[in-house]
Amino acid sequence: MGEFEGPLDLLLHLIRQEQVSIYDIPVARITDEYLRYLHLMQNLDMAVAGDFLVMAATLIELKTKMLLPRDPFAPAEEEADPRNELVDQLLEYQKYKAAAQMLWSRATVERAVFKRAELETDKNNPEVVVGVFDLLKVFQEILGRHKDEVLLEIEREEISMVEMIERLRNMVMSAGELN
């Protein structure tokens, strides 16, 4: 149904839209909004719509329980807020939704990470066993090969801006005409 994953998702959206606490659900307003949303969804998939209709019926039942006066002869245990069960469901749903979001984020990060391939250790690539002194000896041989190379160092001639302008002016004057 639209952008919502289920009836609890729609209900959470409406509660957030009203900017109220889950513990203090304005059942009448939320029920009206919920039913209005269902009415907007004319072409419902019946398999999916069933859950939404059950939630609408639950909201209407809560609304009627809250509108009816309390039974003065009912035991104190039955006077609990009829919204408590729905609040518990919503809180549990929020936990699952947060966990799903965290797992989705984690999977996204893991897809972006590339792991190094395993090292080949077969007969075609035998491991080389050498010590530190063997490596030092080979390094000295490499340095010995490059010992005779001549290094050229070029010095930079520093020229002031005034001198450069004067040189360019002389070159232009000696060249004569410019094209």
N, C-alpha and C. Protein backbone atom coordinates (compact mmCIF):
# COMPACT_ATOMS: atom_id res chain seq x y z
N MET A 1 0.85 -1.18 0.00
CA MET A 1 0.00 0.00 0.00
C MET A 1 0.89 1.23 0.00
N GLY A 2 1.04 1.78 -1.15
CA GLY A 2 1.79 3.01 -1.25
C GLY A 2 3.21 2.85 -0.74
N GLU A 3 3.61 3.80 0.06
CA GLU A 3 4.98 3.82 0.56
C GLU A 3 5.14 3.11 1.90
N PHE A 4 4.08 2.57 2.44
CA PHE A 4 4.14 1.98 3.77
C PHE A 4 4.30 0.47 3.69
N GLU A 5 5.08 -0.06 4.63
CA GLU A 5 5.38 -1.49 4.63
C GLU A 5 4.30 -2.30 5.31
N GLY A 6 3.39 -1.67 5.98
CA GLY A 6 2.33 -2.39 6.65
C GLY A 6 1.48 -1.42 7.45
N PRO A 7 0.45 -1.92 8.12
CA PRO A 7 -0.46 -1.05 8.85
C PRO A 7 0.23 -0.31 10.00
N LEU A 8 1.16 -0.96 10.68
CA LEU A 8 1.86 -0.28 11.78
C LEU A 8 2.74 0.85 11.25
N ASP A 9 3.31 0.65 10.06
CA ASP A 9 4.13 1.69 9.46
C ASP A 9 3.29 2.92 9.14
N LEU A 10 2.10 2.70 8.59
CA LEU A 10 1.18 3.81 8.32
C LEU A 10 0.78 4.49 9.61
N LEU A 11 0.47 3.72 10.63
CA LEU A 11 0.06 4.27 11.92
C LEU A 11 1.19 5.10 12.53
N LEU A 12 2.42 4.59 12.48
CA LEU A 12 3.56 5.36 13.00
C LEU A 12 3.73 6.66 12.23
N HIS A 13 3.55 6.60 10.91
CA HIS A 13 3.66 7.80 10.09
C HIS A 13 2.62 8.85 10.51
N LEU A 14 1.40 8.41 10.72
CA LEU A 14 0.34 9.34 11.12
C LEU A 14 0.61 9.93 12.50
N ILE A 15 1.13 9.12 13.42
CA ILE A 15 1.44 9.62 14.77
C ILE A 15 2.55 10.66 14.69
N ARG A 16 3.57 10.38 13.89
CA ARG A 16 4.67 11.35 13.72
C ARG A 16 4.17 12.62 13.05
N GLN A 17 3.26 12.46 12.10
CA GLN A 17 2.70 13.61 11.39
C GLN A 17 1.94 14.52 12.36
N GLU A 18 1.27 13.92 13.32
CA GLU A 18 0.54 14.68 14.34
C GLU A 18 1.48 15.25 15.40
N GLN A 19 2.74 14.79 15.39
CA GLN A 19 3.77 15.23 16.34
C GLN A 19 3.33 15.01 17.78
N VAL A 20 2.91 13.78 18.05
CA VAL A 20 2.52 13.42 19.41
C VAL A 20 3.32 12.20 19.84
N SER A 21 3.35 11.96 21.12
CA SER A 21 4.04 10.81 21.68
C SER A 21 3.25 9.54 21.40
N ILE A 22 3.96 8.45 21.22
CA ILE A 22 3.29 7.15 21.04
C ILE A 22 2.45 6.83 22.26
N TYR A 23 2.90 7.27 23.43
CA TYR A 23 2.20 6.96 24.68
C TYR A 23 0.92 7.78 24.83
N ASP A 24 0.74 8.81 24.03
CA ASP A 24 -0.43 9.68 24.16
C ASP A 24 -1.10 9.83 22.79
N ILE A 25 -1.50 8.72 22.21
CA ILE A 25 -2.09 8.72 20.87
C ILE A 25 -3.47 9.36 20.90
N PRO A 26 -3.69 10.40 20.08
CA PRO A 26 -5.04 10.95 19.96
C PRO A 26 -5.84 10.04 19.03
N VAL A 27 -6.48 9.06 19.61
CA VAL A 27 -7.12 7.98 18.85
C VAL A 27 -8.13 8.52 17.85
N ALA A 28 -8.93 9.48 18.22
CA ALA A 28 -9.97 9.98 17.31
C ALA A 28 -9.34 10.58 16.05
N ARG A 29 -8.36 11.46 16.22
CA ARG A 29 -7.73 12.10 15.05
C ARG A 29 -6.97 11.09 14.21
N ILE A 30 -6.23 10.21 14.86
CA ILE A 30 -5.42 9.23 14.13
C ILE A 30 -6.34 8.26 13.37
N THR A 31 -7.44 7.84 13.99
CA THR A 31 -8.38 6.94 13.32
C THR A 31 -8.97 7.62 12.10
N ASP A 32 -9.38 8.88 12.25
CA ASP A 32 -9.93 9.61 11.10
C ASP A 32 -8.91 9.71 9.97
N GLU A 33 -7.66 10.03 10.30
CA GLU A 33 -6.61 10.13 9.28
C GLU A 33 -6.36 8.77 8.63
N TYR A 34 -6.34 7.73 9.44
CA TYR A 34 -6.10 6.37 8.95
C TYR A 34 -7.20 5.98 7.96
N LEU A 35 -8.45 6.21 8.34
CA LEU A 35 -9.58 5.87 7.46
C LEU A 35 -9.56 6.73 6.19
N ARG A 36 -9.17 7.99 6.32
CA ARG A 36 -9.09 8.87 5.16
C ARG A 36 -8.02 8.33 4.19
N TYR A 37 -6.91 7.88 4.72
CA TYR A 37 -5.85 7.33 3.87
C TYR A 37 -6.35 6.06 3.17
N LEU A 38 -7.04 5.20 3.89
CA LEU A 38 -7.57 3.98 3.27
C LEU A 38 -8.59 4.31 2.18
N HIS A 39 -9.37 5.35 2.42
CA HIS A 39 -10.36 5.76 1.42
C HIS A 39 -9.67 6.27 0.14
N LEU A 40 -8.52 6.92 0.31
CA LEU A 40 -7.78 7.41 -0.86
C LEU A 40 -7.24 6.26 -1.70
N MET A 41 -7.00 5.14 -1.06
CA MET A 41 -6.45 3.98 -1.76
C MET A 41 -7.61 3.15 -2.32
N GLN A 42 -8.18 3.57 -3.42
CA GLN A 42 -9.34 2.91 -4.00
C GLN A 42 -9.01 1.53 -4.56
N ASN A 43 -7.87 1.39 -5.21
CA ASN A 43 -7.50 0.13 -5.86
C ASN A 43 -6.59 -0.68 -4.94
N LEU A 44 -7.16 -1.20 -3.89
CA LEU A 44 -6.38 -1.95 -2.91
C LEU A 44 -6.15 -3.38 -3.36
N ASP A 45 -4.97 -3.87 -3.10
CA ASP A 45 -4.68 -5.29 -3.27
C ASP A 45 -5.28 -5.97 -2.04
N MET A 46 -6.24 -6.83 -2.23
CA MET A 46 -6.99 -7.39 -1.10
C MET A 46 -6.10 -8.17 -0.13
N ALA A 47 -5.06 -8.82 -0.62
CA ALA A 47 -4.18 -9.56 0.28
C ALA A 47 -3.47 -8.61 1.23
N VAL A 48 -3.07 -7.45 0.72
CA VAL A 48 -2.37 -6.46 1.54
C VAL A 48 -3.37 -5.62 2.33
N ALA A 49 -4.49 -5.31 1.71
CA ALA A 49 -5.48 -4.43 2.34
C ALA A 49 -6.07 -5.04 3.60
N GLY A 50 -6.11 -6.35 3.69
CA GLY A 50 -6.69 -7.00 4.87
C GLY A 50 -6.03 -6.55 6.16
N ASP A 51 -4.70 -6.49 6.18
CA ASP A 51 -3.98 -6.05 7.38
C ASP A 51 -4.32 -4.60 7.72
N PHE A 52 -4.43 -3.76 6.70
CA PHE A 52 -4.76 -2.36 6.93
C PHE A 52 -6.18 -2.22 7.48
N LEU A 53 -7.09 -3.05 6.97
CA LEU A 53 -8.47 -2.99 7.44
C LEU A 53 -8.58 -3.49 8.88
N VAL A 54 -7.79 -4.50 9.24
CA VAL A 54 -7.78 -4.99 10.62
C VAL A 54 -7.29 -3.88 11.55
N MET A 55 -6.26 -3.15 11.13
CA MET A 55 -5.76 -2.05 11.95
C MET A 55 -6.81 -0.95 12.07
N ALA A 56 -7.52 -0.68 10.97
CA ALA A 56 -8.58 0.33 11.02
C ALA A 56 -9.66 -0.10 12.00
N ALA A 57 -10.02 -1.38 11.99
CA ALA A 57 -11.03 -1.89 12.93
C ALA A 57 -10.53 -1.77 14.37
N THR A 58 -9.25 -2.05 14.58
CA THR A 58 -8.67 -1.93 15.93
C THR A 58 -8.72 -0.48 16.40
N LEU A 59 -8.40 0.45 15.51
CA LEU A 59 -8.45 1.87 15.88
C LEU A 59 -9.88 2.31 16.20
N ILE A 60 -10.83 1.84 15.41
CA ILE A 60 -12.24 2.19 15.68
C ILE A 60 -12.68 1.61 17.01
N GLU A 61 -12.26 0.38 17.31
CA GLU A 61 -12.59 -0.23 18.60
C GLU A 61 -12.00 0.60 19.75
N LEU A 62 -10.75 1.02 19.60
CA LEU A 62 -10.12 1.87 20.63
C LEU A 62 -10.87 3.18 20.80
N LYS A 63 -11.27 3.74 19.67
CA LYS A 63 -11.99 5.02 19.70
C LYS A 63 -13.30 4.87 20.46
N THR A 64 -14.02 3.78 20.21
CA THR A 64 -15.30 3.58 20.90
C THR A 64 -15.09 3.32 22.38
N LYS A 65 -14.05 2.54 22.73
CA LYS A 65 -13.78 2.29 24.15
C LYS A 65 -13.44 3.58 24.89
N MET A 66 -12.76 4.48 24.21
CA MET A 66 -12.37 5.72 24.87
C MET A 66 -13.53 6.71 24.95
N LEU A 67 -14.48 6.58 24.01
CA LEU A 67 -15.64 7.48 24.04
C LEU A 67 -16.69 7.04 25.05
N LEU A 68 -16.80 5.73 25.27
CA LEU A 68 -17.79 5.22 26.21
C LEU A 68 -17.37 5.54 27.64
N PRO A 69 -18.34 5.81 28.50
CA PRO A 69 -17.98 6.07 29.91
C PRO A 69 -17.47 4.79 30.56
N ARG A 70 -16.62 4.95 31.53
CA ARG A 70 -16.05 3.81 32.26
C ARG A 70 -17.14 3.18 33.14
N ASP A 71 -17.07 1.87 33.28
CA ASP A 71 -17.99 1.15 34.15
C ASP A 71 -17.55 1.36 35.59
N PRO A 72 -18.39 1.99 36.40
CA PRO A 72 -17.98 2.28 37.78
C PRO A 72 -17.83 1.01 38.62
N PHE A 73 -18.46 -0.09 38.21
CA PHE A 73 -18.40 -1.33 38.97
C PHE A 73 -17.31 -2.29 38.48
N ALA A 74 -16.59 -1.89 37.43
CA ALA A 74 -15.53 -2.75 36.88
C ALA A 74 -14.33 -2.73 37.81
N PRO A 75 -13.62 -3.87 37.91
CA PRO A 75 -12.42 -3.91 38.75
C PRO A 75 -11.36 -2.92 38.23
N ALA A 76 -10.47 -2.50 39.11
CA ALA A 76 -9.46 -1.51 38.76
C ALA A 76 -8.53 -2.01 37.66
N GLU A 77 -8.32 -3.33 37.58
CA GLU A 77 -7.44 -3.90 36.57
C GLU A 77 -7.94 -3.62 35.16
N GLU A 78 -9.26 -3.59 34.98
CA GLU A 78 -9.84 -3.40 33.66
C GLU A 78 -9.84 -1.93 33.24
N GLU A 79 -9.50 -1.03 34.14
CA GLU A 79 -9.53 0.39 33.82
C GLU A 79 -8.25 0.87 33.14
N ALA A 80 -7.39 -0.04 32.80
CA ALA A 80 -6.15 0.34 32.12
C ALA A 80 -6.49 1.01 30.79
N ASP A 81 -5.57 1.86 30.35
CA ASP A 81 -5.76 2.58 29.09
C ASP A 81 -5.86 1.58 27.95
N PRO A 82 -6.95 1.62 27.15
CA PRO A 82 -7.11 0.65 26.07
C PRO A 82 -6.04 0.80 24.99
N ARG A 83 -5.30 1.89 25.00
CA ARG A 83 -4.27 2.11 23.99
C ARG A 83 -2.97 1.37 24.30
N ASN A 84 -2.83 0.85 25.53
CA ASN A 84 -1.56 0.25 25.95
C ASN A 84 -1.08 -0.87 25.02
N GLU A 85 -1.99 -1.75 24.62
CA GLU A 85 -1.60 -2.86 23.75
C GLU A 85 -1.09 -2.34 22.40
N LEU A 86 -1.78 -1.35 21.86
CA LEU A 86 -1.36 -0.76 20.59
C LEU A 86 -0.01 -0.06 20.74
N VAL A 87 0.17 0.63 21.86
CA VAL A 87 1.45 1.31 22.12
C VAL A 87 2.58 0.28 22.16
N ASP A 88 2.34 -0.84 22.84
CA ASP A 88 3.36 -1.89 22.91
C ASP A 88 3.71 -2.42 21.52
N GLN A 89 2.68 -2.63 20.69
CA GLN A 89 2.92 -3.10 19.32
C GLN A 89 3.74 -2.09 18.53
N LEU A 90 3.39 -0.81 18.68
CA LEU A 90 4.11 0.24 17.95
C LEU A 90 5.56 0.34 18.40
N LEU A 91 5.80 0.24 19.70
CA LEU A 91 7.17 0.30 20.21
C LEU A 91 7.99 -0.88 19.70
N GLU A 92 7.38 -2.06 19.71
CA GLU A 92 8.07 -3.25 19.21
C GLU A 92 8.36 -3.11 17.72
N TYR A 93 7.38 -2.57 16.98
CA TYR A 93 7.57 -2.36 15.54
C TYR A 93 8.71 -1.38 15.28
N GLN A 94 8.79 -0.33 16.08
CA GLN A 94 9.87 0.65 15.92
C GLN A 94 11.23 -0.01 16.13
N LYS A 95 11.32 -0.91 17.11
CA LYS A 95 12.59 -1.61 17.35
C LYS A 95 12.98 -2.44 16.12
N TYR A 96 12.02 -3.18 15.58
CA TYR A 96 12.31 -4.01 14.41
C TYR A 96 12.68 -3.16 13.20
N LYS A 97 11.99 -2.05 13.04
CA LYS A 97 12.27 -1.17 11.91
C LYS A 97 13.67 -0.57 12.04
N ALA A 98 14.06 -0.16 13.25
CA ALA A 98 15.41 0.38 13.47
C ALA A 98 16.46 -0.70 13.22
N ALA A 99 16.19 -1.93 13.66
CA ALA A 99 17.13 -3.03 13.44
C ALA A 99 17.26 -3.33 11.95
N ALA A 100 16.14 -3.31 11.23
CA ALA A 100 16.17 -3.55 9.79
C ALA A 100 16.97 -2.46 9.08
N GLN A 101 16.78 -1.22 9.50
CA GLN A 101 17.53 -0.11 8.91
C GLN A 101 19.03 -0.28 9.16
N MET A 102 19.39 -0.68 10.38
CA MET A 102 20.79 -0.89 10.72
C MET A 102 21.39 -2.02 9.88
N LEU A 103 20.65 -3.11 9.72
CA LEU A 103 21.14 -4.23 8.91
C LEU A 103 21.27 -3.83 7.44
N TRP A 104 20.33 -3.03 6.94
CA TRP A 104 20.40 -2.57 5.56
C TRP A 104 21.63 -1.69 5.37
N SER A 105 21.88 -0.79 6.32
CA SER A 105 23.06 0.09 6.23
C SER A 105 24.33 -0.74 6.27
N ARG A 106 24.35 -1.72 7.13
CA ARG A 106 25.54 -2.58 7.26
C ARG A 106 25.78 -3.35 5.96
N ALA A 107 24.72 -3.86 5.36
CA ALA A 107 24.87 -4.59 4.10
C ALA A 107 25.37 -3.66 3.00
N THR A 108 24.88 -2.43 2.98
CA THR A 108 25.33 -1.45 1.99
C THR A 108 26.81 -1.18 2.13
N VAL A 109 27.27 -1.01 3.36
CA VAL A 109 28.69 -0.76 3.61
C VAL A 109 29.52 -1.97 3.21
N GLU A 110 29.05 -3.16 3.55
CA GLU A 110 29.80 -4.37 3.22
C GLU A 110 29.89 -4.60 1.71
N ARG A 111 28.87 -4.18 0.97
CA ARG A 111 28.93 -4.31 -0.49
C ARG A 111 29.97 -3.37 -1.08
N ALA A 112 30.24 -2.26 -0.40
CA ALA A 112 31.19 -1.28 -0.90
C ALA A 112 32.64 -1.61 -0.52
N VAL A 113 32.83 -2.62 0.31
CA VAL A 113 34.17 -3.00 0.76
C VAL A 113 34.68 -4.14 -0.12
N PHE A 114 35.90 -3.99 -0.57
CA PHE A 114 36.52 -5.03 -1.38
C PHE A 114 37.62 -5.69 -0.57
N LYS A 115 37.58 -6.99 -0.54
CA LYS A 115 38.58 -7.73 0.22
C LYS A 115 39.68 -8.21 -0.71
N ARG A 116 40.88 -8.32 -0.15
CA ARG A 116 42.02 -8.80 -0.92
C ARG A 116 41.80 -10.28 -1.22
N ALA A 117 42.20 -10.67 -2.42
CA ALA A 117 42.07 -12.08 -2.81
C ALA A 117 43.01 -12.92 -1.96
N GLU A 118 42.68 -14.16 -1.82
CA GLU A 118 43.52 -15.06 -1.04
C GLU A 118 44.85 -15.27 -1.76
N LEU A 119 45.90 -15.43 -0.97
CA LEU A 119 47.23 -15.65 -1.54
C LEU A 119 47.31 -17.06 -2.11
N GLU A 120 47.98 -17.15 -3.24
CA GLU A 120 48.16 -18.46 -3.86
C GLU A 120 49.32 -19.16 -3.17
N THR A 121 49.12 -20.37 -2.76
CA THR A 121 50.19 -21.15 -2.13
C THR A 121 50.19 -22.55 -2.74
N ASP A 122 50.42 -22.57 -4.03
CA ASP A 122 50.46 -23.89 -4.68
C ASP A 122 51.89 -24.21 -5.12
N LYS A 123 52.08 -25.31 -5.82
CA LYS A 123 53.41 -25.76 -6.24
C LYS A 123 54.06 -24.81 -7.24
N ASN A 124 53.24 -24.09 -8.01
CA ASN A 124 53.78 -23.15 -8.99
C ASN A 124 54.33 -21.88 -8.35
N ASN A 125 53.92 -21.59 -7.14
CA ASN A 125 54.37 -20.40 -6.43
C ASN A 125 54.94 -20.79 -5.07
N PRO A 126 56.12 -21.40 -5.07
CA PRO A 126 56.66 -21.83 -3.78
C PRO A 126 57.04 -20.62 -2.92
N GLU A 127 56.95 -20.82 -1.63
CA GLU A 127 57.33 -19.75 -0.71
C GLU A 127 58.85 -19.66 -0.65
N VAL A 128 59.37 -18.45 -0.56
CA VAL A 128 60.80 -18.22 -0.48
C VAL A 128 61.16 -18.01 0.98
N VAL A 129 62.14 -18.77 1.44
CA VAL A 129 62.56 -18.64 2.83
C VAL A 129 63.93 -17.96 2.82
N VAL A 130 63.98 -16.72 3.27
CA VAL A 130 65.24 -15.97 3.34
C VAL A 130 65.31 -15.26 4.67
N GLY A 131 66.52 -14.99 5.07
CA GLY A 131 66.74 -14.28 6.32
C GLY A 131 67.03 -12.81 6.07
N VAL A 132 67.19 -12.09 7.14
CA VAL A 132 67.46 -10.65 7.06
C VAL A 132 68.80 -10.40 6.38
N PHE A 133 69.81 -11.21 6.67
CA PHE A 133 71.13 -11.01 6.09
C PHE A 133 71.14 -11.28 4.59
N ASP A 134 70.34 -12.24 4.15
CA ASP A 134 70.22 -12.50 2.71
C ASP A 134 69.62 -11.29 2.00
N LEU A 135 68.60 -10.71 2.59
CA LEU A 135 67.98 -9.52 2.01
C LEU A 135 68.96 -8.36 1.98
N LEU A 136 69.76 -8.19 3.03
CA LEU A 136 70.74 -7.11 3.10
C LEU A 136 71.80 -7.29 2.02
N LYS A 137 72.24 -8.52 1.79
CA LYS A 137 73.24 -8.81 0.77
C LYS A 137 72.72 -8.45 -0.62
N VAL A 138 71.49 -8.84 -0.92
CA VAL A 138 70.88 -8.53 -2.22
C VAL A 138 70.72 -7.02 -2.38
N PHE A 139 70.34 -6.33 -1.32
CA PHE A 139 70.17 -4.88 -1.37
C PHE A 139 71.52 -4.20 -1.67
N GLN A 140 72.61 -4.67 -1.07
CA GLN A 140 73.93 -4.11 -1.33
C GLN A 140 74.35 -4.35 -2.78
N GLU A 141 74.00 -5.49 -3.34
CA GLU A 141 74.31 -5.77 -4.74
C GLU A 141 73.58 -4.80 -5.66
N ILE A 142 72.33 -4.53 -5.35
CA ILE A 142 71.55 -3.59 -6.16
C ILE A 142 72.16 -2.19 -6.08
N LEU A 143 72.55 -1.77 -4.89
CA LEU A 143 73.18 -0.46 -4.73
C LEU A 143 74.51 -0.41 -5.48
N GLY A 144 75.26 -1.52 -5.50
CA GLY A 144 76.54 -1.57 -6.21
C GLY A 144 76.37 -1.41 -7.71
N ARG A 145 75.29 -1.91 -8.27
CA ARG A 145 75.04 -1.77 -9.71
C ARG A 145 74.81 -0.32 -10.10
N HIS A 146 74.22 0.45 -9.24
CA HIS A 146 73.88 1.83 -9.55
C HIS A 146 74.93 2.81 -9.03
N LYS A 147 76.03 2.31 -8.54
CA LYS A 147 77.07 3.14 -7.95
C LYS A 147 77.75 4.03 -8.99
N ASP A 148 77.94 3.52 -10.19
CA ASP A 148 78.68 4.24 -11.22
C ASP A 148 77.83 5.25 -11.98
N GLU A 149 76.58 5.33 -11.72
CA GLU A 149 75.72 6.28 -12.42
C GLU A 149 76.11 7.70 -12.04
N VAL A 150 76.14 8.59 -13.03
CA VAL A 150 76.52 9.98 -12.81
C VAL A 150 75.26 10.79 -12.52
N LEU A 151 75.34 11.54 -11.46
CA LEU A 151 74.22 12.41 -11.12
C LEU A 151 74.55 13.82 -11.57
N LEU A 152 73.69 14.40 -12.35
CA LEU A 152 73.86 15.77 -12.80
C LEU A 152 72.99 16.67 -11.95
N GLU A 153 73.59 17.76 -11.56
CA GLU A 153 72.84 18.73 -10.78
C GLU A 153 72.80 20.02 -11.58
N ILE A 154 71.64 20.50 -11.85
CA ILE A 154 71.48 21.72 -12.63
C ILE A 154 71.13 22.84 -11.67
N GLU A 155 71.92 23.91 -11.78
CA GLU A 155 71.66 25.06 -10.92
C GLU A 155 70.68 25.98 -11.61
N ARG A 156 69.86 26.56 -10.83
CA ARG A 156 68.85 27.48 -11.33
C ARG A 156 69.42 28.89 -11.35
N GLU A 157 69.24 29.54 -12.48
CA GLU A 157 69.70 30.92 -12.59
C GLU A 157 68.57 31.82 -12.10
N GLU A 158 68.86 32.62 -11.14
CA GLU A 158 67.84 33.51 -10.61
C GLU A 158 67.91 34.85 -11.32
N ILE A 159 66.79 35.26 -11.88
CA ILE A 159 66.70 36.52 -12.62
C ILE A 159 65.55 37.31 -12.04
N SER A 160 65.78 38.58 -11.82
CA SER A 160 64.71 39.43 -11.28
C SER A 160 63.73 39.75 -12.40
N MET A 161 62.59 40.24 -12.02
CA MET A 161 61.54 40.59 -12.98
C MET A 161 62.02 41.72 -13.89
N VAL A 162 62.72 42.69 -13.34
CA VAL A 162 63.21 43.84 -14.13
C VAL A 162 64.21 43.36 -15.18
N GLU A 163 65.12 42.45 -14.79
CA GLU A 163 66.11 41.92 -15.74
C GLU A 163 65.41 41.15 -16.86
N MET A 164 64.40 40.35 -16.53
CA MET A 164 63.69 39.56 -17.53
C MET A 164 62.95 40.47 -18.51
N ILE A 165 62.34 41.52 -18.01
CA ILE A 165 61.63 42.46 -18.89
C ILE A 165 62.64 43.11 -19.84
N GLU A 166 63.79 43.48 -19.32
CA GLU A 166 64.83 44.11 -20.14
C GLU A 166 65.32 43.13 -21.22
N ARG A 167 65.53 41.87 -20.88
CA ARG A 167 65.96 40.86 -21.85
C ARG A 167 64.92 40.69 -22.96
N LEU A 168 63.66 40.60 -22.56
CA LEU A 168 62.59 40.44 -23.56
C LEU A 168 62.49 41.66 -24.46
N ARG A 169 62.65 42.83 -23.90
CA ARG A 169 62.60 44.08 -24.69
C ARG A 169 63.74 44.08 -25.71
N ASN A 170 64.93 43.68 -25.30
CA ASN A 170 66.08 43.65 -26.21
C ASN A 170 65.85 42.63 -27.32
N MET A 171 65.26 41.48 -26.99
CA MET A 171 64.99 40.46 -28.01
C MET A 171 63.99 40.97 -29.03
N VAL A 172 62.97 41.66 -28.57
CA VAL A 172 61.95 42.20 -29.48
C VAL A 172 62.57 43.27 -30.36
N MET A 173 63.40 44.13 -29.79
CA MET A 173 64.02 45.22 -30.56
C MET A 173 64.99 44.66 -31.60
N SER A 174 65.73 43.63 -31.24
CA SER A 174 66.71 43.08 -32.19
C SER A 174 66.01 42.30 -33.30
N ALA A 175 64.86 41.76 -33.04
CA ALA A 175 64.13 41.00 -34.05
C ALA A 175 63.53 41.92 -35.09
N GLY A 176 63.31 43.14 -34.76
CA GLY A 176 62.76 44.08 -35.73
C GLY A 176 61.25 44.07 -35.70
N GLU A 177 60.66 43.71 -36.82
CA GLU A 177 59.21 43.72 -36.96
C GLU A 177 58.56 42.49 -36.35
N LEU A 178 57.38 42.68 -35.80
CA LEU A 178 56.59 41.56 -35.27
C LEU A 178 55.45 41.28 -36.22
N ASN A 179 55.14 40.04 -36.45
CA ASN A 179 54.03 39.67 -37.34
C ASN A 179 52.74 39.78 -36.62
